[in-house]
Structures are given as C-alpha cells and as structure tokens.
Amino acid sequence: MKLNEIFRSVQAASRKLAMMNSDEVNRILLALADETEHCIPELLEANRKDLERMDPENPKYDRLKLSEARLIEIASNIRDVAALPSPAGIVLEDRIRPNGLRLKKVSVPFGVIGIIYEARPNVSFDVFSLCLKSGNACILKGGSDADFSNRAIVALIHRVLERLGTDPSAVALLPSSHEATAELLHAERYVDLIIPRGSAGLIKFVREEATVPVIETGAGICHTYFDKDGDAEKGAAIINNAKTRRVSVCNALDCLLIHKDRLQDLPDLCRPLQKNNVVIYADPHAWEALKGNYPPELLEHADEQSFGTEFLNYKMSVKTVGCAEEAVSHIHAYGSKHSESIVTENNVTGSYFQKAVDAACVYVNAPTSFTDGAQFGLGAEIGISTQKLHARGPMGLRELTTYKWLIEGNGQIRP
C-alpha cells in the first residue's frame, strides 16, 4: 500500500473515532490492556530481536528494552487512561450574544496525529491509548532500532480493534525508513499534527522540515540548584533520584548547580551517586571539594561541553554559583526549558526560582524525575512539550484536543 493510501485510510478512521462514545472507547482500551498482558511472551520475543541488534552500552538500550514488569506497567497505564474522563465534547465557553445567537466553544479531537519517535516501543502503546481516548487516529513512525517491537505491538492493537468491530486504520505503523518520515512531514492534506519524540537532532529536523504543524517535545537538559539554604539530606536523595532513577529519559538530571557557601556539603550530596558509578564533570571549585571524597576514576574536570549537554547516561556536570540569580542565569544559558529544580528551605528563594526560571516544569524540593504524565495524574503521556504554543509540559489527554465554535440561531441575519 502506498503511503498516501495509508494516510487516507487513517483520516477516514479518524472521522469514525470522533463519533464513538466513551463506553466503546473504554471497552477497546480495557481489552488492549488484557491482551497486552496475555501476549507478554510474544512482545518480549519481538523486543529481543531488536535488542540483539543494539550494543548494550548504547544509551538507547534502556529505552528500547521491554520487560515483563514494564509491560504490566504499560497495561496498568492503559487501564488508567480508560478510567479518565474523555477530553472531547467539553463545553469550554457558553454565552448568548445580545442578538440572541448562542455560542458554545467545545473541545474536539485534532483528527490525525503523527508521532515520530526513536528506540522507545512503549511509545506505541502510550500514543495509541491517548489518541483513542481523545478521539484521534494516529500514524506511528518509529525508528528502525525498535522495528520488530513496534510491528508486534501494532499487530496486537489491530487484533483487538478488529475483534471489537473498530476500523484498524485508527492506528497505522509506517515503514522505518527516511522516505516514510519525509512523506509524513509533508502530508498536510491528511495529518493535522506531528509530535516528534527523541533526540535534539530529530526534533530539530522535524521542526525545520515539516509542513504539517508540529508540537516540540524537546530534549531535556535538566538542572538541580542546591541553594545556600538547602537541606543536605533532602538534596542528596533528590540529586540521586533525578540522576540515576532512569538515566536515558528526558527528565534525568544533567547538571548540579551548587551555592559556593555549601561546597563543603558537595561530597555528601554526591556520595549516593557512587553506587551507580556516575561520572562527574566538575568545575574547579567543585573539583577541589570532591577531590579525595569521590572516586578519582569517576571525577573529571569540566569544560564548556560539560554544560548544556543531555548526557542520557551515568554522567553529570557540577557548576558552582554565587547566588540563586546566577543559577537562574546559567539555566537560561544552557537549559532546554524542560524541567528544573531547586533544593532550599527558604520560601522566598524557592518562589523566586519558580517565577524566574523559564521551563515547562519548575520544582522546589523534588526531583525532575517527576516530570511524567502518569505522575501528574494525566495517565500516560504523549510527550513533554517544551514550547509555549498550545501545550507545555506533560501532554496528556486534554492537550490532544483543540476546539470549535458551535453557533445556534433563530433566523438572525447580520446587519
């Protein structure tokens, strides 16, 4: 089938989805969750074929890998999405004009959403469940690294849709080729929105090449600032969790900023990182504070490339600052407007940091690892938007709708 034919069939399916009621949608999602758990061996076997082709040392390996526990969690997330209220059909505004016209602003699905992503097969489940719940059809363009996994997942979804009498074209998986990407980026007749998920390079390419509207889910260059009034015990736990919980995700910590008056606490703040052999690229002041207090084979001198880098690995930089204002200036210079955090017991400083930092998510005394749709109570997420147009932060169901105006008259004409 040529790609334009796929695009047309997905567009046709999107019009059917927009007319489905919530009970029908939820029945599909719950059946998909059950089928996912039932087919764990089949999905793991497909994933194994992908893993065999990737070096385990590759930072993408963790993102690519599925496990029984992860698949059970995915099924649970799908059930969570089913339990959420539909974001479509909500009356956002309702008013009557002086001439008697009644105007209602109502949330509606976008229609067809294209997702371009790299080695993350879980995205296939997340995208489909969120798109279906919000009334959207979806076109998936995964990377070649996860091709076996993605094909197995979409085949499973198609089986569920067909069994329940729903058009399987509600989701389509494109070939994992550059040519397919190019066609999707220019399919403005059929696709209403494209959301790229992946590296900064992928996102930049999509933003610059697409003629279809794009919402950026940007790279996560995340900082934590340990303030002069920070609690060292809290700080050590927050830094370790932000850095090591999962190093290959966009909300992982990349740079620790520390107030110069708290350098004596830096060894304690970094001590939990040793368990995971985290390499630290320290500026001169931080390097002196850590010398003899951190394994020498894991301690490096920072250079300009150490800052503004999304490591996606067991690596991070440390920068010494003189005040909260300097920390904010560093974040503005090197951050990606994703997630930033401050550790402080000073409410004034915490409030200043949250107001001054320009990012989708700004934390006080909590790690950036919480930037996640499920953690925000949104169910699964389709990505973390770092732009300011339409959506910002974790994109859940509500962010997958737009709106239209419904106008009711009684024969009025415009003078």
Protein backbone atom coordinates (compact mmCIF):
# COMPACT_ATOMS: atom_id res chain seq x y z
CA MET A 1 0.00 0.00 0.00
CA LYS A 2 1.35 3.43 -0.93
CA LEU A 3 1.73 5.86 1.95
CA ASN A 4 -0.92 8.26 0.64
CA GLU A 5 -3.40 5.40 0.75
CA ILE A 6 -2.42 4.72 4.36
CA PHE A 7 -2.84 8.40 5.19
CA ARG A 8 -6.30 8.47 3.57
CA SER A 9 -7.45 5.35 5.44
CA VAL A 10 -6.28 6.76 8.77
CA GLN A 11 -8.05 10.04 8.05
CA ALA A 12 -11.26 8.14 7.27
CA ALA A 13 -10.91 6.16 10.50
CA SER A 14 -10.42 9.39 12.48
CA ARG A 15 -13.88 10.57 11.42
CA LYS A 16 -15.40 7.35 12.75
CA LEU A 17 -13.49 7.67 16.04
CA ALA A 18 -14.84 11.19 16.56
CA MET A 19 -18.35 9.72 16.62
CA MET A 20 -17.64 6.90 19.10
CA ASN A 21 -18.96 7.14 22.63
CA SER A 22 -16.85 6.77 25.76
CA ASP A 23 -18.11 3.28 26.58
CA GLU A 24 -16.94 1.96 23.19
CA VAL A 25 -13.55 3.59 23.59
CA ASN A 26 -13.06 2.28 27.11
CA ARG A 27 -14.04 -1.25 26.06
CA ILE A 28 -11.25 -1.19 23.46
CA LEU A 29 -8.68 0.14 25.93
CA LEU A 30 -9.51 -2.43 28.60
CA ALA A 31 -9.36 -5.21 26.02
CA LEU A 32 -5.99 -3.91 24.86
CA ALA A 33 -4.65 -3.92 28.43
CA ASP A 34 -5.77 -7.54 28.88
CA GLU A 35 -4.33 -8.58 25.51
CA THR A 36 -1.00 -6.90 26.32
CA GLU A 37 -0.64 -8.95 29.49
CA HIS A 38 -1.72 -12.10 27.68
CA CYS A 39 0.84 -11.55 24.91
CA ILE A 40 3.87 -10.69 27.06
CA PRO A 41 5.97 -13.64 25.73
CA GLU A 42 5.21 -12.65 22.12
CA LEU A 43 6.12 -9.00 22.76
CA LEU A 44 9.32 -9.87 24.61
CA GLU A 45 10.41 -12.16 21.79
CA ALA A 46 9.98 -9.35 19.25
CA ASN A 47 11.82 -6.98 21.56
CA ARG A 48 14.66 -9.48 21.96
CA LYS A 49 15.27 -9.32 18.20
CA ASP A 50 15.66 -5.56 18.45
CA LEU A 51 17.93 -5.77 21.49
CA GLU A 52 20.22 -8.25 19.71
CA ARG A 53 20.98 -5.58 17.13
CA MET A 54 21.99 -2.92 19.66
CA ASP A 55 25.10 -2.59 21.81
CA PRO A 56 24.06 -2.86 25.49
CA GLU A 57 26.36 0.09 26.20
CA ASN A 58 24.31 2.30 23.88
CA PRO A 59 22.36 4.87 25.97
CA LYS A 60 19.26 3.98 23.92
CA TYR A 61 19.39 0.35 25.09
CA ASP A 62 17.45 1.01 28.30
CA ARG A 63 14.73 2.86 26.39
CA LEU A 64 14.49 0.05 23.85
CA LYS A 65 14.27 -2.75 26.39
CA LEU A 66 10.90 -4.15 27.39
CA SER A 67 10.44 -6.49 30.33
CA GLU A 68 7.53 -8.32 31.89
CA ALA A 69 7.36 -5.67 34.61
CA ARG A 70 7.36 -2.83 32.08
CA LEU A 71 4.64 -4.45 30.01
CA ILE A 72 2.49 -5.00 33.11
CA GLU A 73 3.03 -1.32 33.95
CA ILE A 74 2.06 -0.35 30.39
CA ALA A 75 -1.16 -2.39 30.70
CA SER A 76 -1.88 -0.65 34.00
CA ASN A 77 -1.34 2.75 32.39
CA ILE A 78 -3.78 1.84 29.61
CA ARG A 79 -6.40 0.97 32.24
CA ASP A 80 -5.68 4.30 33.93
CA VAL A 81 -6.34 6.10 30.65
CA ALA A 82 -9.63 4.21 30.26
CA ALA A 83 -10.68 5.39 33.72
CA LEU A 84 -10.09 9.06 32.87
CA PRO A 85 -12.93 11.25 31.58
CA SER A 86 -12.97 11.94 27.87
CA PRO A 87 -11.39 15.30 26.98
CA ALA A 88 -13.62 15.70 23.91
CA GLY A 89 -17.06 17.31 23.91
CA ILE A 90 -16.35 19.53 26.92
CA VAL A 91 -18.09 22.92 26.75
CA LEU A 92 -15.32 25.43 27.39
CA GLU A 93 -17.47 28.54 26.94
CA ASP A 94 -21.23 29.07 26.61
CA ARG A 95 -22.74 32.51 26.12
CA ILE A 96 -25.61 34.28 24.40
CA ARG A 97 -24.93 37.41 22.37
CA PRO A 98 -27.23 40.48 22.52
CA ASN A 99 -28.70 39.45 19.15
CA GLY A 100 -29.76 36.09 20.58
CA LEU A 101 -27.06 33.94 18.99
CA ARG A 102 -25.84 31.23 21.35
CA LEU A 103 -22.13 30.45 21.10
CA LYS A 104 -20.50 27.36 22.58
CA LYS A 105 -16.79 26.63 22.48
CA VAL A 106 -16.39 22.83 22.59
CA SER A 107 -13.29 20.62 22.77
CA VAL A 108 -12.81 18.29 19.78
CA PRO A 109 -10.11 15.87 18.60
CA PHE A 110 -7.38 17.09 16.27
CA GLY A 111 -8.17 14.27 13.85
CA VAL A 112 -4.97 12.55 12.74
CA ILE A 113 -1.81 12.82 14.83
CA GLY A 114 1.55 11.66 13.52
CA ILE A 115 4.24 10.61 16.00
CA ILE A 116 7.90 10.30 15.02
CA TYR A 117 10.00 8.59 17.67
CA GLU A 118 13.17 6.61 18.15
CA ALA A 119 14.00 3.47 20.11
CA ARG A 120 11.07 3.54 22.55
CA PRO A 121 8.49 0.83 21.82
CA ASN A 122 6.41 1.80 24.87
CA VAL A 123 5.53 4.98 22.97
CA SER A 124 3.45 2.89 20.56
CA PHE A 125 1.14 1.89 23.42
CA ASP A 126 1.10 5.34 25.02
CA VAL A 127 0.29 7.14 21.79
CA PHE A 128 -2.47 4.79 20.72
CA SER A 129 -4.23 4.77 24.10
CA LEU A 130 -4.13 8.54 24.46
CA CYS A 131 -5.15 9.17 20.86
CA LEU A 132 -8.05 6.71 21.03
CA LYS A 133 -9.30 8.15 24.32
CA SER A 134 -9.22 11.68 22.89
CA GLY A 135 -10.89 10.61 19.62
CA ASN A 136 -7.81 10.87 17.40
CA ALA A 137 -6.40 8.40 14.90
CA CYS A 138 -2.61 8.08 14.89
CA ILE A 139 0.21 7.39 12.46
CA LEU A 140 3.30 5.92 14.10
CA LYS A 141 6.76 6.37 12.62
CA GLY A 142 9.16 4.51 14.86
CA GLY A 143 12.88 4.12 14.47
CA SER A 144 14.50 1.10 12.84
CA ASP A 145 16.04 0.13 16.20
CA ALA A 146 12.60 -0.83 17.53
CA ASP A 147 11.01 -2.12 14.32
CA PHE A 148 10.34 -5.70 15.48
CA SER A 149 8.82 -4.45 18.74
CA ASN A 150 6.67 -1.80 17.08
CA ARG A 151 5.32 -4.20 14.47
CA ALA A 152 4.36 -6.72 17.17
CA ILE A 153 2.65 -4.02 19.24
CA VAL A 154 0.66 -2.58 16.33
CA ALA A 155 -0.35 -6.08 15.18
CA LEU A 156 -1.67 -6.71 18.69
CA ILE A 157 -3.64 -3.43 18.62
CA HIS A 158 -5.08 -4.28 15.21
CA ARG A 159 -6.28 -7.67 16.51
CA VAL A 160 -8.10 -6.00 19.37
CA LEU A 161 -9.70 -3.38 17.12
CA GLU A 162 -10.88 -5.96 14.59
CA ARG A 163 -12.27 -8.23 17.29
CA LEU A 164 -14.35 -5.35 18.65
CA GLY A 165 -15.55 -4.19 15.24
CA THR A 166 -13.49 -0.99 15.04
CA ASP A 167 -11.62 0.16 11.94
CA PRO A 168 -8.00 -1.00 12.43
CA SER A 169 -6.84 2.02 10.42
CA ALA A 170 -7.31 4.00 13.64
CA VAL A 171 -3.58 3.31 14.04
CA ALA A 172 -1.00 2.78 11.32
CA LEU A 173 2.71 1.99 11.54
CA LEU A 174 4.83 3.40 8.72
CA PRO A 175 7.99 1.70 7.42
CA SER A 176 11.08 2.64 9.45
CA SER A 177 12.67 4.46 6.51
CA HIS A 178 13.79 8.06 5.95
CA GLU A 179 11.48 8.21 2.93
CA ALA A 180 8.46 7.43 5.12
CA THR A 181 9.47 10.21 7.50
CA ALA A 182 9.71 12.69 4.64
CA GLU A 183 6.26 11.79 3.33
CA LEU A 184 4.68 12.08 6.77
CA LEU A 185 6.24 15.51 7.33
CA HIS A 186 4.57 16.78 4.16
CA ALA A 187 1.19 15.03 4.48
CA GLU A 188 -0.69 18.20 5.40
CA ARG A 189 -3.77 17.05 3.44
CA TYR A 190 -4.21 14.12 5.80
CA VAL A 191 -2.32 14.80 9.04
CA ASP A 192 -3.37 17.53 11.47
CA LEU A 193 -0.42 17.49 13.86
CA ILE A 194 3.02 15.92 14.23
CA ILE A 195 4.73 15.32 17.55
CA PRO A 196 8.40 14.23 17.46
CA ARG A 197 9.83 12.33 20.43
CA GLY A 198 13.55 11.71 20.60
CA SER A 199 16.92 13.39 20.35
CA ALA A 200 17.51 17.09 19.86
CA GLY A 201 18.67 16.29 16.33
CA LEU A 202 15.43 14.51 15.45
CA ILE A 203 13.29 17.28 16.88
CA LYS A 204 15.28 19.99 15.07
CA PHE A 205 14.96 18.08 11.78
CA VAL A 206 11.18 17.68 12.15
CA ARG A 207 10.70 21.33 13.14
CA GLU A 208 12.67 22.59 10.16
CA GLU A 209 11.33 20.17 7.52
CA ALA A 210 7.64 19.67 8.34
CA THR A 211 4.82 21.44 6.53
CA VAL A 212 2.38 19.83 8.98
CA PRO A 213 2.03 21.75 12.30
CA VAL A 214 4.50 20.46 14.93
CA ILE A 215 4.49 20.42 18.72
CA GLU A 216 8.03 20.02 20.03
CA THR A 217 8.73 17.56 22.79
CA GLY A 218 12.20 18.90 23.36
CA ALA A 219 15.37 17.43 24.71
CA GLY A 220 15.67 17.50 28.48
CA ILE A 221 18.75 19.35 29.71
CA CYS A 222 17.75 19.41 33.38
CA HIS A 223 19.38 21.18 36.33
CA THR A 224 19.08 20.99 40.09
CA TYR A 225 20.25 24.00 42.11
CA PHE A 226 21.34 23.29 45.69
CA ASP A 227 20.81 26.62 47.43
CA LYS A 228 22.72 28.03 50.39
CA ASP A 229 19.61 27.24 52.48
CA GLY A 230 19.22 23.71 51.11
CA ASP A 231 18.76 20.64 53.32
CA ALA A 232 21.68 18.29 52.61
CA GLU A 233 19.76 15.10 53.36
CA LYS A 234 16.93 16.08 51.05
CA GLY A 235 19.41 17.27 48.46
CA ALA A 236 21.36 14.00 48.32
CA ALA A 237 18.17 11.98 47.81
CA ILE A 238 16.77 14.39 45.21
CA ILE A 239 20.01 14.55 43.22
CA ASN A 240 20.48 10.79 43.24
CA ASN A 241 16.89 10.09 42.20
CA ALA A 242 16.94 12.70 39.45
CA LYS A 243 20.20 11.35 38.05
CA THR A 244 20.02 7.58 38.48
CA ARG A 245 16.36 6.52 38.51
CA ARG A 246 16.49 6.18 34.71
CA VAL A 247 19.40 7.88 33.01
CA SER A 248 18.13 7.57 29.44
CA VAL A 249 14.93 9.58 29.85
CA CYS A 250 14.45 13.28 29.20
CA ASN A 251 13.73 14.22 32.83
CA ALA A 252 17.08 12.90 34.12
CA LEU A 253 19.45 15.33 35.84
CA ASP A 254 22.34 16.63 33.73
CA CYS A 255 23.84 19.44 35.81
CA LEU A 256 24.02 20.14 39.54
CA LEU A 257 24.38 23.81 40.46
CA ILE A 258 25.66 24.40 43.99
CA HIS A 259 25.93 27.58 46.03
CA LYS A 260 29.56 28.42 46.82
CA ASP A 261 28.81 28.56 50.56
CA ARG A 262 27.70 24.91 50.51
CA LEU A 263 30.66 23.35 48.71
CA GLN A 264 31.59 21.57 51.94
CA ASP A 265 28.36 19.56 51.53
CA LEU A 266 29.13 18.51 47.96
CA PRO A 267 30.79 15.18 48.91
CA ASP A 268 27.72 14.16 50.92
CA LEU A 269 25.38 15.32 48.16
CA CYS A 270 27.25 13.20 45.60
CA ARG A 271 28.01 10.16 47.76
CA PRO A 272 24.88 8.18 46.71
CA LEU A 273 25.90 8.60 43.06
CA GLN A 274 28.96 6.39 43.58
CA LYS A 275 26.74 3.30 43.78
CA ASN A 276 25.91 3.73 40.09
CA ASN A 277 29.40 4.87 39.06
CA VAL A 278 28.21 8.29 37.97
CA VAL A 279 30.98 10.25 36.25
CA ILE A 280 31.10 13.87 37.46
CA TYR A 281 32.49 16.71 35.34
CA ALA A 282 33.26 19.33 37.98
CA ASP A 283 34.25 22.98 37.65
CA PRO A 284 37.44 24.00 39.55
CA HIS A 285 35.70 24.81 42.87
CA ALA A 286 33.59 21.66 42.81
CA TRP A 287 36.58 19.55 41.75
CA GLU A 288 38.56 20.74 44.77
CA ALA A 289 35.62 19.94 47.07
CA LEU A 290 35.27 16.43 45.63
CA LYS A 291 38.97 15.57 45.33
CA GLY A 292 39.69 12.80 47.81
CA ASN A 293 35.97 12.47 48.57
CA TYR A 294 34.80 10.91 45.33
CA PRO A 295 36.35 8.03 43.37
CA PRO A 296 39.12 9.57 41.24
CA GLU A 297 38.28 7.41 38.24
CA LEU A 298 34.79 8.98 38.26
CA LEU A 299 35.90 12.59 38.70
CA GLU A 300 36.76 14.71 35.66
CA HIS A 301 37.47 18.39 35.05
CA ALA A 302 34.56 20.13 33.35
CA ASP A 303 34.95 22.02 30.09
CA GLU A 304 32.50 24.09 28.08
CA GLN A 305 30.99 20.94 26.54
CA SER A 306 30.09 19.67 30.02
CA PHE A 307 27.30 22.24 30.28
CA GLY A 308 24.24 22.27 28.05
CA THR A 309 24.65 18.55 27.32
CA GLU A 310 21.89 15.97 27.68
CA PHE A 311 24.03 13.04 28.82
CA LEU A 312 21.41 10.22 28.75
CA ASN A 313 23.98 8.22 30.69
CA TYR A 314 25.58 7.90 34.13
CA LYS A 315 27.27 11.28 33.75
CA MET A 316 26.58 14.78 35.04
CA SER A 317 28.30 18.13 35.49
CA VAL A 318 28.66 20.30 38.60
CA LYS A 319 28.83 24.09 38.48
CA THR A 320 29.48 26.44 41.41
CA VAL A 321 27.38 29.63 41.59
CA GLY A 322 27.34 32.58 43.95
CA CYS A 323 23.59 33.09 44.28
CA ALA A 324 20.18 32.00 43.06
CA GLU A 325 20.24 34.69 40.36
CA GLU A 326 23.45 33.22 38.94
CA ALA A 327 21.90 29.76 38.98
CA VAL A 328 18.91 31.05 37.03
CA SER A 329 21.21 32.79 34.52
CA HIS A 330 23.10 29.52 33.98
CA ILE A 331 19.83 27.67 33.41
CA HIS A 332 18.70 30.28 30.90
CA ALA A 333 22.00 29.93 29.04
CA TYR A 334 22.23 26.13 29.00
CA GLY A 335 18.77 24.67 29.75
CA SER A 336 16.21 23.36 27.29
CA LYS A 337 13.07 24.70 29.07
CA HIS A 338 12.11 21.19 30.17
CA SER A 339 12.42 20.65 33.95
CA GLU A 340 14.43 22.48 36.61
CA SER A 341 14.62 22.10 40.39
CA ILE A 342 15.82 23.95 43.46
CA VAL A 343 16.63 22.47 46.86
CA THR A 344 16.07 25.13 49.52
CA GLU A 345 14.36 25.69 52.86
CA ASN A 346 13.98 29.40 52.03
CA ASN A 347 10.46 30.01 50.75
CA VAL A 348 11.39 33.39 49.26
CA THR A 349 14.23 31.87 47.25
CA GLY A 350 12.07 28.96 46.17
CA SER A 351 9.32 31.30 44.97
CA TYR A 352 11.87 33.45 43.13
CA PHE A 353 13.32 30.40 41.39
CA GLN A 354 9.91 29.14 40.26
CA LYS A 355 8.95 32.55 38.91
CA ALA A 356 12.28 33.35 37.25
CA VAL A 357 13.06 30.03 35.56
CA ASP A 358 11.58 29.66 32.08
CA ALA A 359 10.77 25.95 31.86
CA ALA A 360 7.74 23.71 31.45
CA CYS A 361 8.14 22.26 34.97
CA VAL A 362 9.88 24.01 37.89
CA TYR A 363 10.28 22.14 41.20
CA VAL A 364 11.05 23.07 44.79
CA ASN A 365 12.47 20.25 46.92
CA ALA A 366 11.51 17.48 44.49
CA PRO A 367 13.43 15.77 41.66
CA THR A 368 12.88 16.41 37.96
CA SER A 369 12.15 12.69 37.59
CA PHE A 370 8.52 13.52 38.46
CA THR A 371 8.02 15.20 35.07
CA ASP A 372 5.82 12.46 33.70
CA GLY A 373 2.21 12.26 32.62
CA ALA A 374 1.34 9.39 34.95
CA GLN A 375 3.00 11.15 37.91
CA PHE A 376 0.98 14.28 37.13
CA GLY A 377 -2.24 12.26 37.17
CA LEU A 378 -2.70 12.57 33.41
CA GLY A 379 -2.40 8.87 32.66
CA ALA A 380 0.16 8.02 30.01
CA GLU A 381 1.71 10.96 28.20
CA ILE A 382 2.40 11.55 24.55
CA GLY A 383 5.49 13.63 25.32
CA ILE A 384 6.85 16.58 27.29
CA SER A 385 6.26 19.79 25.36
CA THR A 386 8.97 22.42 25.81
CA GLN A 387 7.30 25.02 23.64
CA LYS A 388 4.67 27.53 24.69
CA LEU A 389 2.14 27.26 21.87
CA HIS A 390 -0.94 25.12 22.68
CA ALA A 391 0.71 22.70 25.14
CA ARG A 392 3.53 22.85 27.70
CA GLY A 393 4.88 20.11 29.95
CA PRO A 394 3.46 16.56 30.01
CA MET A 395 0.95 16.20 27.19
CA GLY A 396 -1.96 14.12 28.35
CA LEU A 397 -5.49 13.79 27.03
CA ARG A 398 -6.53 17.41 27.27
CA GLU A 399 -3.56 18.51 25.18
CA LEU A 400 -4.66 16.20 22.35
CA THR A 401 -7.77 18.23 21.66
CA THR A 402 -8.44 21.54 20.00
CA TYR A 403 -11.84 23.26 19.91
CA LYS A 404 -14.52 24.51 17.60
CA TRP A 405 -17.35 27.03 17.95
CA LEU A 406 -20.96 25.85 17.78
CA ILE A 407 -23.41 28.65 16.98
CA GLU A 408 -27.17 28.35 17.34
CA GLY A 409 -29.50 30.96 15.85
CA ASN A 410 -33.17 31.52 15.21
CA GLY A 411 -33.08 33.21 11.83
CA GLN A 412 -30.88 36.18 12.78
CA ILE A 413 -29.08 37.94 9.94
CA ARG A 414 -26.13 40.28 10.19
CA PRO A 415 -26.88 43.96 9.51
